[in-house]
Amino acid sequence: MYLMKDITRDGDPVLRQEAADVQFPLSAEDRKLADDMMEYLVISQDETENEKYKLRPGVGLAAPQVGESKRMAAILVPGEFEDDEPLFKGVISNPVIISHSVQDGALDMGEGCLSVDEDVAGFVPRHDRITVRYQNLDGETVKLRLKDYPAIVFQHEMDHLHGVLYYDHINQAEPWAESEDVKYIK
């Protein structure tokens, strides 16, 4: 099981590398990587378990964040209410955005990252709607349309696979400058 000490921190070169494609069928090592990343997310979102292991809650964890330069990420976007089914729960490999909206979206509180210990404040503009293509754990190609918060989570994790961190998108001169072209998501 991954703990906070296992999360690669900002400054480590692996976070700035272009990750390598994942090969199918998955090796036992890659299957374990996928399972361990998802386990972290599940435990980190459980208040009791989270406190027990002293984990920072997360909705996504990309392989480079645990020191593996591979194009794989676990994503667990919870439902709106505690007992709701997750909006998305799965491990994606070799993801590509195949189309996106003209309108941008940004979280109204900004973004955070398990690999970035300090708070880097500001709006992180991303596409509000995307269509993404990826391979699931069985190697099957999946095409998925996402909007608002789930779309932002996917883009954040996909950035990790290209060596990009969320704060790279923040307007450094005016981090909280609003734009009428951006949909702000609560």
N, C-alpha and C. Protein backbone atom coordinates (compact mmCIF):
# COMPACT_ATOMS: atom_id res chain seq x y z
N MET A 1 0.84 -1.18 0.00
CA MET A 1 0.00 0.00 0.00
C MET A 1 0.89 1.25 0.00
N TYR A 2 0.52 2.22 -0.83
CA TYR A 2 1.28 3.47 -0.86
C TYR A 2 0.91 4.34 0.33
N LEU A 3 1.91 4.96 0.92
CA LEU A 3 1.73 5.95 1.96
C LEU A 3 2.25 7.28 1.44
N MET A 4 2.07 8.36 2.18
CA MET A 4 2.53 9.67 1.71
C MET A 4 4.03 9.68 1.44
N LYS A 5 4.80 8.89 2.18
CA LYS A 5 6.25 8.85 1.96
C LYS A 5 6.59 8.26 0.59
N ASP A 6 5.65 7.53 -0.02
CA ASP A 6 5.88 6.90 -1.32
C ASP A 6 5.52 7.81 -2.50
N ILE A 7 4.86 8.93 -2.21
CA ILE A 7 4.44 9.84 -3.28
C ILE A 7 5.64 10.69 -3.69
N THR A 8 5.93 10.68 -4.99
CA THR A 8 7.04 11.47 -5.54
C THR A 8 6.69 12.95 -5.42
N ARG A 9 7.63 13.73 -4.92
CA ARG A 9 7.38 15.15 -4.67
C ARG A 9 7.96 16.02 -5.78
N ASP A 10 7.33 17.20 -5.90
CA ASP A 10 7.76 18.22 -6.85
C ASP A 10 9.27 18.43 -6.70
N GLY A 11 9.94 18.48 -7.84
CA GLY A 11 11.40 18.61 -7.85
C GLY A 11 12.06 17.33 -8.33
N ASP A 12 11.38 16.20 -8.19
CA ASP A 12 11.91 14.93 -8.70
C ASP A 12 11.78 14.93 -10.23
N PRO A 13 12.84 14.62 -10.95
CA PRO A 13 12.81 14.68 -12.42
C PRO A 13 11.72 13.81 -13.08
N VAL A 14 11.29 12.72 -12.43
CA VAL A 14 10.29 11.84 -13.04
C VAL A 14 8.98 12.60 -13.29
N LEU A 15 8.70 13.63 -12.48
CA LEU A 15 7.46 14.39 -12.65
C LEU A 15 7.50 15.32 -13.85
N ARG A 16 8.67 15.51 -14.43
CA ARG A 16 8.80 16.40 -15.59
C ARG A 16 9.13 15.64 -16.88
N GLN A 17 9.06 14.32 -16.82
CA GLN A 17 9.36 13.50 -18.00
C GLN A 17 8.09 13.14 -18.76
N GLU A 18 8.26 12.91 -20.05
CA GLU A 18 7.21 12.32 -20.87
C GLU A 18 7.21 10.83 -20.54
N ALA A 19 6.09 10.32 -20.04
CA ALA A 19 6.02 8.93 -19.61
C ALA A 19 5.92 7.99 -20.82
N ALA A 20 6.37 6.77 -20.63
CA ALA A 20 6.36 5.75 -21.69
C ALA A 20 4.99 5.07 -21.77
N ASP A 21 4.63 4.65 -22.97
CA ASP A 21 3.37 3.93 -23.16
C ASP A 21 3.37 2.64 -22.35
N VAL A 22 2.19 2.26 -21.89
CA VAL A 22 2.00 1.01 -21.17
C VAL A 22 1.74 -0.08 -22.21
N GLN A 23 2.40 -1.22 -22.05
CA GLN A 23 2.25 -2.34 -22.98
C GLN A 23 1.21 -3.33 -22.47
N PHE A 24 0.46 -3.91 -23.41
CA PHE A 24 -0.55 -4.92 -23.07
C PHE A 24 -0.21 -6.23 -23.73
N PRO A 25 -0.57 -7.37 -23.11
CA PRO A 25 -1.23 -7.45 -21.80
C PRO A 25 -0.34 -6.92 -20.70
N LEU A 26 -0.97 -6.42 -19.64
CA LEU A 26 -0.22 -5.84 -18.53
C LEU A 26 0.67 -6.89 -17.87
N SER A 27 1.87 -6.47 -17.52
CA SER A 27 2.75 -7.34 -16.73
C SER A 27 2.20 -7.40 -15.31
N ALA A 28 2.65 -8.37 -14.54
CA ALA A 28 2.25 -8.47 -13.14
C ALA A 28 2.64 -7.20 -12.39
N GLU A 29 3.79 -6.64 -12.75
CA GLU A 29 4.27 -5.41 -12.11
C GLU A 29 3.33 -4.24 -12.40
N ASP A 30 2.89 -4.10 -13.65
CA ASP A 30 1.98 -3.01 -14.01
C ASP A 30 0.60 -3.21 -13.40
N ARG A 31 0.15 -4.44 -13.30
CA ARG A 31 -1.15 -4.73 -12.67
C ARG A 31 -1.08 -4.34 -11.19
N LYS A 32 0.01 -4.65 -10.53
CA LYS A 32 0.18 -4.28 -9.12
C LYS A 32 0.24 -2.76 -8.96
N LEU A 33 0.93 -2.10 -9.87
CA LEU A 33 0.99 -0.63 -9.86
C LEU A 33 -0.42 -0.06 -9.93
N ALA A 34 -1.23 -0.55 -10.86
CA ALA A 34 -2.61 -0.08 -11.02
C ALA A 34 -3.41 -0.32 -9.75
N ASP A 35 -3.32 -1.52 -9.21
CA ASP A 35 -4.07 -1.87 -8.00
C ASP A 35 -3.64 -1.01 -6.81
N ASP A 36 -2.34 -0.80 -6.66
CA ASP A 36 -1.83 -0.02 -5.53
C ASP A 36 -2.24 1.45 -5.63
N MET A 37 -2.23 2.00 -6.86
CA MET A 37 -2.65 3.40 -7.03
C MET A 37 -4.13 3.56 -6.68
N MET A 38 -4.96 2.63 -7.14
CA MET A 38 -6.39 2.71 -6.83
C MET A 38 -6.63 2.51 -5.34
N GLU A 39 -5.89 1.60 -4.72
CA GLU A 39 -6.03 1.37 -3.29
C GLU A 39 -5.75 2.65 -2.51
N TYR A 40 -4.72 3.39 -2.93
CA TYR A 40 -4.41 4.66 -2.26
C TYR A 40 -5.62 5.59 -2.31
N LEU A 41 -6.23 5.73 -3.50
CA LEU A 41 -7.36 6.65 -3.66
C LEU A 41 -8.54 6.22 -2.80
N VAL A 42 -8.86 4.93 -2.82
CA VAL A 42 -10.00 4.43 -2.04
C VAL A 42 -9.78 4.72 -0.55
N ILE A 43 -8.61 4.38 -0.04
CA ILE A 43 -8.32 4.59 1.38
C ILE A 43 -8.25 6.08 1.71
N SER A 44 -7.68 6.87 0.81
CA SER A 44 -7.53 8.30 1.08
C SER A 44 -8.87 9.02 1.15
N GLN A 45 -9.90 8.46 0.51
CA GLN A 45 -11.23 9.09 0.52
C GLN A 45 -12.10 8.58 1.67
N ASP A 46 -11.62 7.61 2.43
CA ASP A 46 -12.33 7.09 3.59
C ASP A 46 -11.79 7.82 4.82
N GLU A 47 -12.65 8.61 5.47
CA GLU A 47 -12.18 9.47 6.56
C GLU A 47 -11.44 8.71 7.67
N THR A 48 -11.98 7.58 8.08
CA THR A 48 -11.36 6.81 9.17
C THR A 48 -10.02 6.24 8.74
N GLU A 49 -9.99 5.60 7.58
CA GLU A 49 -8.75 4.99 7.08
C GLU A 49 -7.71 6.07 6.76
N ASN A 50 -8.18 7.15 6.20
CA ASN A 50 -7.32 8.28 5.84
C ASN A 50 -6.55 8.76 7.06
N GLU A 51 -7.26 8.96 8.17
CA GLU A 51 -6.61 9.42 9.41
C GLU A 51 -5.65 8.37 9.95
N LYS A 52 -6.05 7.11 9.88
CA LYS A 52 -5.25 6.01 10.39
C LYS A 52 -3.87 5.97 9.71
N TYR A 53 -3.86 6.17 8.38
CA TYR A 53 -2.62 6.09 7.62
C TYR A 53 -1.99 7.45 7.32
N LYS A 54 -2.67 8.53 7.77
CA LYS A 54 -2.18 9.89 7.55
C LYS A 54 -1.96 10.20 6.06
N LEU A 55 -3.00 9.91 5.27
CA LEU A 55 -2.94 10.15 3.82
C LEU A 55 -3.63 11.47 3.49
N ARG A 56 -3.12 12.14 2.46
CA ARG A 56 -3.83 13.29 1.91
C ARG A 56 -4.87 12.73 0.93
N PRO A 57 -6.12 13.19 1.02
CA PRO A 57 -7.14 12.69 0.11
C PRO A 57 -6.80 13.02 -1.34
N GLY A 58 -7.12 12.07 -2.23
CA GLY A 58 -6.87 12.28 -3.64
C GLY A 58 -7.99 11.72 -4.49
N VAL A 59 -8.16 12.30 -5.68
CA VAL A 59 -9.12 11.78 -6.66
C VAL A 59 -8.39 11.18 -7.86
N GLY A 60 -7.09 11.39 -7.92
CA GLY A 60 -6.30 10.82 -9.01
C GLY A 60 -4.87 10.62 -8.56
N LEU A 61 -4.25 9.60 -9.14
CA LEU A 61 -2.84 9.32 -8.85
C LEU A 61 -2.23 8.72 -10.11
N ALA A 62 -1.27 9.44 -10.68
CA ALA A 62 -0.61 8.99 -11.91
C ALA A 62 0.68 8.25 -11.57
N ALA A 63 1.06 7.30 -12.42
CA ALA A 63 2.25 6.49 -12.18
C ALA A 63 3.51 7.33 -11.89
N PRO A 64 3.75 8.44 -12.61
CA PRO A 64 4.93 9.23 -12.27
C PRO A 64 4.92 9.74 -10.82
N GLN A 65 3.73 9.86 -10.22
CA GLN A 65 3.64 10.33 -8.84
C GLN A 65 4.10 9.28 -7.83
N VAL A 66 4.30 8.05 -8.29
CA VAL A 66 4.88 7.01 -7.43
C VAL A 66 6.19 6.51 -8.04
N GLY A 67 6.81 7.39 -8.85
CA GLY A 67 8.15 7.11 -9.36
C GLY A 67 8.22 6.25 -10.61
N GLU A 68 7.08 5.96 -11.24
CA GLU A 68 7.05 5.12 -12.44
C GLU A 68 6.71 5.96 -13.66
N SER A 69 7.63 6.10 -14.58
CA SER A 69 7.40 6.92 -15.77
C SER A 69 6.63 6.10 -16.81
N LYS A 70 5.35 5.86 -16.50
CA LYS A 70 4.46 5.07 -17.36
C LYS A 70 3.16 5.84 -17.54
N ARG A 71 2.55 5.70 -18.71
CA ARG A 71 1.31 6.42 -19.02
C ARG A 71 0.10 5.68 -18.44
N MET A 72 0.01 5.73 -17.12
CA MET A 72 -1.07 5.06 -16.40
C MET A 72 -1.47 5.95 -15.23
N ALA A 73 -2.79 6.01 -14.95
CA ALA A 73 -3.27 6.79 -13.81
C ALA A 73 -4.53 6.14 -13.25
N ALA A 74 -4.64 6.16 -11.94
CA ALA A 74 -5.87 5.73 -11.27
C ALA A 74 -6.70 6.98 -11.00
N ILE A 75 -8.02 6.87 -11.23
CA ILE A 75 -8.92 8.00 -11.03
C ILE A 75 -10.14 7.50 -10.27
N LEU A 76 -10.50 8.23 -9.21
CA LEU A 76 -11.68 7.91 -8.42
C LEU A 76 -12.38 9.23 -8.08
N VAL A 77 -13.39 9.58 -8.90
CA VAL A 77 -14.15 10.80 -8.70
C VAL A 77 -15.42 10.43 -7.94
N PRO A 78 -15.51 10.86 -6.67
CA PRO A 78 -16.68 10.47 -5.88
C PRO A 78 -17.96 11.10 -6.41
N GLY A 79 -19.09 10.46 -6.07
CA GLY A 79 -20.39 11.03 -6.40
C GLY A 79 -20.63 12.28 -5.57
N GLU A 80 -21.74 12.95 -5.87
CA GLU A 80 -22.04 14.20 -5.19
C GLU A 80 -22.27 14.00 -3.69
N PHE A 81 -22.94 12.90 -3.35
CA PHE A 81 -23.24 12.62 -1.95
C PHE A 81 -22.48 11.38 -1.51
N GLU A 82 -22.29 11.23 -0.21
CA GLU A 82 -21.43 10.18 0.34
C GLU A 82 -21.80 8.77 -0.13
N ASP A 83 -23.09 8.47 -0.22
CA ASP A 83 -23.51 7.12 -0.60
C ASP A 83 -23.66 6.92 -2.10
N ASP A 84 -23.43 7.96 -2.89
CA ASP A 84 -23.54 7.86 -4.35
C ASP A 84 -22.44 6.99 -4.92
N GLU A 85 -22.75 6.36 -6.05
CA GLU A 85 -21.71 5.65 -6.80
C GLU A 85 -20.70 6.69 -7.30
N PRO A 86 -19.43 6.30 -7.45
CA PRO A 86 -18.45 7.26 -7.99
C PRO A 86 -18.85 7.70 -9.40
N LEU A 87 -18.52 8.95 -9.73
CA LEU A 87 -18.75 9.44 -11.09
C LEU A 87 -17.82 8.71 -12.06
N PHE A 88 -16.63 8.36 -11.58
CA PHE A 88 -15.69 7.54 -12.35
C PHE A 88 -14.77 6.83 -11.38
N LYS A 89 -14.55 5.55 -11.65
CA LYS A 89 -13.57 4.78 -10.88
C LYS A 89 -12.90 3.83 -11.86
N GLY A 90 -11.59 4.03 -12.06
CA GLY A 90 -10.88 3.14 -12.95
C GLY A 90 -9.43 3.55 -13.13
N VAL A 91 -8.70 2.68 -13.79
CA VAL A 91 -7.30 2.95 -14.12
C VAL A 91 -7.24 3.11 -15.64
N ILE A 92 -6.66 4.22 -16.06
CA ILE A 92 -6.55 4.51 -17.48
C ILE A 92 -5.09 4.39 -17.91
N SER A 93 -4.89 3.84 -19.10
CA SER A 93 -3.54 3.73 -19.66
C SER A 93 -3.53 4.34 -21.05
N ASN A 94 -2.43 4.98 -21.39
CA ASN A 94 -2.20 5.57 -22.71
C ASN A 94 -3.34 6.49 -23.14
N PRO A 95 -3.82 7.37 -22.25
CA PRO A 95 -4.97 8.22 -22.59
C PRO A 95 -4.60 9.33 -23.58
N VAL A 96 -5.59 9.68 -24.41
CA VAL A 96 -5.44 10.76 -25.38
C VAL A 96 -6.76 11.53 -25.43
N ILE A 97 -6.69 12.85 -25.40
CA ILE A 97 -7.89 13.66 -25.61
C ILE A 97 -8.10 13.73 -27.12
N ILE A 98 -9.26 13.24 -27.58
CA ILE A 98 -9.51 13.22 -29.03
C ILE A 98 -10.39 14.38 -29.48
N SER A 99 -11.09 15.02 -28.55
CA SER A 99 -11.80 16.26 -28.85
C SER A 99 -12.06 17.00 -27.55
N HIS A 100 -12.30 18.30 -27.67
CA HIS A 100 -12.55 19.11 -26.48
C HIS A 100 -13.39 20.32 -26.83
N SER A 101 -14.02 20.88 -25.81
CA SER A 101 -14.84 22.07 -25.98
C SER A 101 -13.96 23.29 -26.21
N VAL A 102 -14.58 24.30 -26.80
CA VAL A 102 -13.91 25.59 -26.93
C VAL A 102 -13.88 26.26 -25.56
N GLN A 103 -14.99 26.10 -24.81
CA GLN A 103 -15.08 26.72 -23.49
C GLN A 103 -14.14 26.05 -22.51
N ASP A 104 -13.46 26.88 -21.73
CA ASP A 104 -12.61 26.37 -20.67
C ASP A 104 -13.40 26.26 -19.38
N GLY A 105 -12.88 25.46 -18.47
CA GLY A 105 -13.44 25.34 -17.13
C GLY A 105 -12.29 25.42 -16.13
N ALA A 106 -12.62 25.82 -14.92
CA ALA A 106 -11.62 25.87 -13.85
C ALA A 106 -12.33 25.68 -12.52
N LEU A 107 -11.68 25.01 -11.60
CA LEU A 107 -12.24 24.88 -10.26
C LEU A 107 -12.18 26.24 -9.56
N ASP A 108 -13.28 26.64 -8.94
CA ASP A 108 -13.31 27.97 -8.33
C ASP A 108 -12.37 28.12 -7.14
N MET A 109 -11.90 26.99 -6.58
CA MET A 109 -10.96 27.03 -5.46
C MET A 109 -9.51 26.76 -5.91
N GLY A 110 -9.30 26.57 -7.21
CA GLY A 110 -7.99 26.18 -7.70
C GLY A 110 -7.80 24.67 -7.55
N GLU A 111 -6.62 24.18 -7.84
CA GLU A 111 -6.32 22.75 -7.77
C GLU A 111 -5.22 22.50 -6.76
N GLY A 112 -5.09 21.24 -6.39
CA GLY A 112 -4.01 20.80 -5.54
C GLY A 112 -3.45 19.52 -6.12
N CYS A 113 -2.38 19.02 -5.52
CA CYS A 113 -1.73 17.83 -6.06
C CYS A 113 -0.99 17.11 -4.94
N LEU A 114 -1.11 15.80 -4.92
CA LEU A 114 -0.41 15.01 -3.90
C LEU A 114 1.10 15.18 -3.98
N SER A 115 1.62 15.51 -5.16
CA SER A 115 3.06 15.66 -5.34
C SER A 115 3.57 17.07 -5.03
N VAL A 116 2.64 18.00 -4.81
CA VAL A 116 3.02 19.39 -4.54
C VAL A 116 2.61 19.73 -3.12
N ASP A 117 3.58 19.83 -2.23
CA ASP A 117 3.28 20.03 -0.82
C ASP A 117 2.79 21.44 -0.49
N GLU A 118 3.33 22.44 -1.15
CA GLU A 118 2.90 23.80 -0.86
C GLU A 118 1.67 24.13 -1.72
N ASP A 119 0.84 25.03 -1.20
CA ASP A 119 -0.36 25.45 -1.93
C ASP A 119 0.04 26.48 -2.97
N VAL A 120 -0.20 26.17 -4.25
CA VAL A 120 0.04 27.13 -5.32
C VAL A 120 -1.33 27.59 -5.78
N ALA A 121 -1.69 28.81 -5.37
CA ALA A 121 -3.05 29.30 -5.57
C ALA A 121 -3.23 29.91 -6.96
N GLY A 122 -4.47 29.78 -7.46
CA GLY A 122 -4.84 30.39 -8.72
C GLY A 122 -5.75 29.48 -9.53
N PHE A 123 -6.43 30.10 -10.50
CA PHE A 123 -7.28 29.32 -11.40
C PHE A 123 -6.40 28.51 -12.36
N VAL A 124 -6.83 27.28 -12.63
CA VAL A 124 -6.13 26.40 -13.57
C VAL A 124 -7.07 26.16 -14.74
N PRO A 125 -6.96 26.97 -15.80
CA PRO A 125 -7.89 26.80 -16.92
C PRO A 125 -7.62 25.51 -17.69
N ARG A 126 -8.69 24.78 -17.94
CA ARG A 126 -8.63 23.53 -18.70
C ARG A 126 -9.86 23.49 -19.61
N HIS A 127 -9.95 22.49 -20.47
CA HIS A 127 -11.14 22.32 -21.29
C HIS A 127 -12.30 21.91 -20.38
N ASP A 128 -13.47 22.52 -20.58
CA ASP A 128 -14.61 22.16 -19.75
C ASP A 128 -15.17 20.79 -20.11
N ARG A 129 -15.13 20.44 -21.40
CA ARG A 129 -15.61 19.13 -21.85
C ARG A 129 -14.54 18.49 -22.72
N ILE A 130 -14.36 17.19 -22.52
CA ILE A 130 -13.38 16.44 -23.33
C ILE A 130 -13.96 15.08 -23.72
N THR A 131 -13.45 14.56 -24.80
CA THR A 131 -13.65 13.15 -25.13
C THR A 131 -12.26 12.54 -25.09
N VAL A 132 -12.13 11.50 -24.28
CA VAL A 132 -10.83 10.87 -24.07
C VAL A 132 -10.90 9.41 -24.52
N ARG A 133 -9.79 8.95 -25.06
CA ARG A 133 -9.66 7.54 -25.44
C ARG A 133 -8.50 6.97 -24.63
N TYR A 134 -8.73 5.80 -24.04
CA TYR A 134 -7.70 5.17 -23.22
C TYR A 134 -7.89 3.66 -23.26
N GLN A 135 -6.94 2.95 -22.67
CA GLN A 135 -7.06 1.50 -22.54
C GLN A 135 -7.33 1.18 -21.07
N ASN A 136 -8.29 0.26 -20.85
CA ASN A 136 -8.57 -0.17 -19.48
C ASN A 136 -7.57 -1.26 -19.09
N LEU A 137 -7.74 -1.84 -17.92
CA LEU A 137 -6.77 -2.82 -17.43
C LEU A 137 -6.71 -4.09 -18.28
N ASP A 138 -7.77 -4.36 -19.06
CA ASP A 138 -7.77 -5.52 -19.94
C ASP A 138 -7.22 -5.20 -21.33
N GLY A 139 -6.81 -3.94 -21.53
CA GLY A 139 -6.26 -3.53 -22.81
C GLY A 139 -7.31 -3.09 -23.81
N GLU A 140 -8.58 -3.10 -23.39
CA GLU A 140 -9.66 -2.68 -24.29
C GLU A 140 -9.64 -1.17 -24.43
N THR A 141 -9.91 -0.69 -25.64
CA THR A 141 -9.97 0.74 -25.89
C THR A 141 -11.34 1.26 -25.47
N VAL A 142 -11.32 2.32 -24.69
CA VAL A 142 -12.54 2.94 -24.19
C VAL A 142 -12.56 4.39 -24.65
N LYS A 143 -13.73 4.86 -25.07
CA LYS A 143 -13.91 6.27 -25.43
C LYS A 143 -14.95 6.83 -24.46
N LEU A 144 -14.64 7.96 -23.84
CA LEU A 144 -15.47 8.49 -22.77
C LEU A 144 -15.59 10.00 -22.91
N ARG A 145 -16.83 10.49 -22.76
CA ARG A 145 -17.08 11.94 -22.75
C ARG A 145 -17.20 12.39 -21.31
N LEU A 146 -16.54 13.49 -20.98
CA LEU A 146 -16.54 14.01 -19.61
C LEU A 146 -16.75 15.51 -19.64
N LYS A 147 -17.35 16.04 -18.56
CA LYS A 147 -17.49 17.49 -18.45
C LYS A 147 -17.29 17.92 -17.01
N ASP A 148 -17.02 19.17 -16.84
CA ASP A 148 -16.88 19.80 -15.54
C ASP A 148 -15.81 19.09 -14.68
N TYR A 149 -16.14 18.79 -13.43
CA TYR A 149 -15.13 18.27 -12.50
C TYR A 149 -14.43 17.00 -12.99
N PRO A 150 -15.16 15.97 -13.45
CA PRO A 150 -14.45 14.77 -13.94
C PRO A 150 -13.50 15.09 -15.10
N ALA A 151 -13.88 16.00 -15.99
CA ALA A 151 -12.99 16.37 -17.10
C ALA A 151 -11.72 17.03 -16.58
N ILE A 152 -11.86 17.85 -15.56
CA ILE A 152 -10.69 18.52 -14.97
C ILE A 152 -9.77 17.49 -14.31
N VAL A 153 -10.34 16.54 -13.59
CA VAL A 153 -9.53 15.50 -12.93
C VAL A 153 -8.75 14.72 -13.98
N PHE A 154 -9.42 14.30 -15.05
CA PHE A 154 -8.73 13.55 -16.11
C PHE A 154 -7.58 14.36 -16.68
N GLN A 155 -7.81 15.64 -16.98
CA GLN A 155 -6.76 16.47 -17.57
C GLN A 155 -5.59 16.66 -16.60
N HIS A 156 -5.90 16.81 -15.32
CA HIS A 156 -4.83 16.95 -14.32
C HIS A 156 -3.95 15.70 -14.32
N GLU A 157 -4.58 14.52 -14.30
CA GLU A 157 -3.80 13.27 -14.29
C GLU A 157 -3.07 13.06 -15.60
N MET A 158 -3.71 13.38 -16.72
CA MET A 158 -3.04 13.22 -18.02
C MET A 158 -1.84 14.16 -18.14
N ASP A 159 -1.92 15.34 -17.55
CA ASP A 159 -0.77 16.25 -17.55
C ASP A 159 0.44 15.58 -16.90
N HIS A 160 0.21 14.83 -15.82
CA HIS A 160 1.33 14.14 -15.16
C HIS A 160 2.05 13.20 -16.12
N LEU A 161 1.35 12.66 -17.07
CA LEU A 161 1.95 11.71 -18.02
C LEU A 161 2.79 12.42 -19.07
N HIS A 162 2.66 13.75 -19.10
CA HIS A 162 3.43 14.57 -20.05
C HIS A 162 4.40 15.51 -19.35
N GLY A 163 4.62 15.28 -18.06
CA GLY A 163 5.59 16.10 -17.33
C GLY A 163 5.11 17.50 -16.99
N VAL A 164 3.78 17.68 -16.91
CA VAL A 164 3.20 19.00 -16.63
C VAL A 164 2.53 18.95 -15.26
N LEU A 165 2.74 20.00 -14.46
CA LEU A 165 2.09 20.12 -13.16
C LEU A 165 1.02 21.21 -13.24
N TYR A 166 0.01 21.10 -12.39
CA TYR A 166 -1.15 22.00 -12.48
C TYR A 166 -0.77 23.47 -12.44
N TYR A 167 0.22 23.82 -11.64
CA TYR A 167 0.56 25.24 -11.50
C TYR A 167 1.20 25.81 -12.75
N ASP A 168 1.61 24.95 -13.69
CA ASP A 168 2.15 25.44 -14.97
C ASP A 168 1.07 26.20 -15.76
N HIS A 169 -0.20 25.92 -15.48
CA HIS A 169 -1.32 26.55 -16.19
C HIS A 169 -1.78 27.86 -15.56
N ILE A 170 -1.32 28.15 -14.35
CA ILE A 170 -1.79 29.34 -13.62
C ILE A 170 -1.14 30.60 -14.19
N ASN A 171 -1.95 31.64 -14.38
CA ASN A 171 -1.46 32.94 -14.81
C ASN A 171 -0.64 33.51 -13.64
N GLN A 172 0.67 33.53 -13.79
CA GLN A 172 1.55 33.95 -12.69
C GLN A 172 1.38 35.42 -12.31
N ALA A 173 1.07 36.26 -13.29
CA ALA A 173 0.91 37.69 -13.01
C ALA A 173 -0.39 37.96 -12.24
N GLU A 174 -1.47 37.25 -12.61
CA GLU A 174 -2.76 37.44 -11.95
C GLU A 174 -3.42 36.08 -11.74
N PRO A 175 -3.01 35.34 -10.70
CA PRO A 175 -3.49 33.97 -10.52
C PRO A 175 -5.00 33.82 -10.37
N TRP A 176 -5.67 34.84 -9.83
CA TRP A 176 -7.12 34.74 -9.62
C TRP A 176 -7.91 35.63 -10.57
N ALA A 177 -7.27 36.03 -11.69
CA ALA A 177 -7.98 36.86 -12.67
C ALA A 177 -9.07 36.02 -13.34
N GLU A 178 -10.31 36.51 -13.26
CA GLU A 178 -11.43 35.79 -13.87
C GLU A 178 -11.59 36.18 -15.33
N SER A 179 -12.16 35.27 -16.09
CA SER A 179 -12.42 35.50 -17.51
C SER A 179 -13.85 35.09 -17.80
N GLU A 180 -14.54 35.86 -18.62
CA GLU A 180 -15.93 35.50 -18.96
C GLU A 180 -15.98 34.29 -19.88
N ASP A 181 -14.83 33.88 -20.41
CA ASP A 181 -14.77 32.71 -21.29
C ASP A 181 -14.61 31.39 -20.52
N VAL A 182 -14.46 31.48 -19.19
CA VAL A 182 -14.20 30.31 -18.38
C VAL A 182 -15.41 29.99 -17.51
N LYS A 183 -15.78 28.72 -17.45
CA LYS A 183 -16.85 28.26 -16.56
C LYS A 183 -16.19 27.85 -15.23
N TYR A 184 -16.59 28.51 -14.13
CA TYR A 184 -15.99 28.23 -12.83
C TYR A 184 -16.83 27.17 -12.12
N ILE A 185 -16.19 26.10 -11.71
CA ILE A 185 -16.87 24.93 -11.17
C ILE A 185 -16.64 24.84 -9.66
N LYS A 186 -17.73 24.67 -8.91
CA LYS A 186 -17.65 24.57 -7.44
C LYS A 186 -17.21 23.19 -7.01
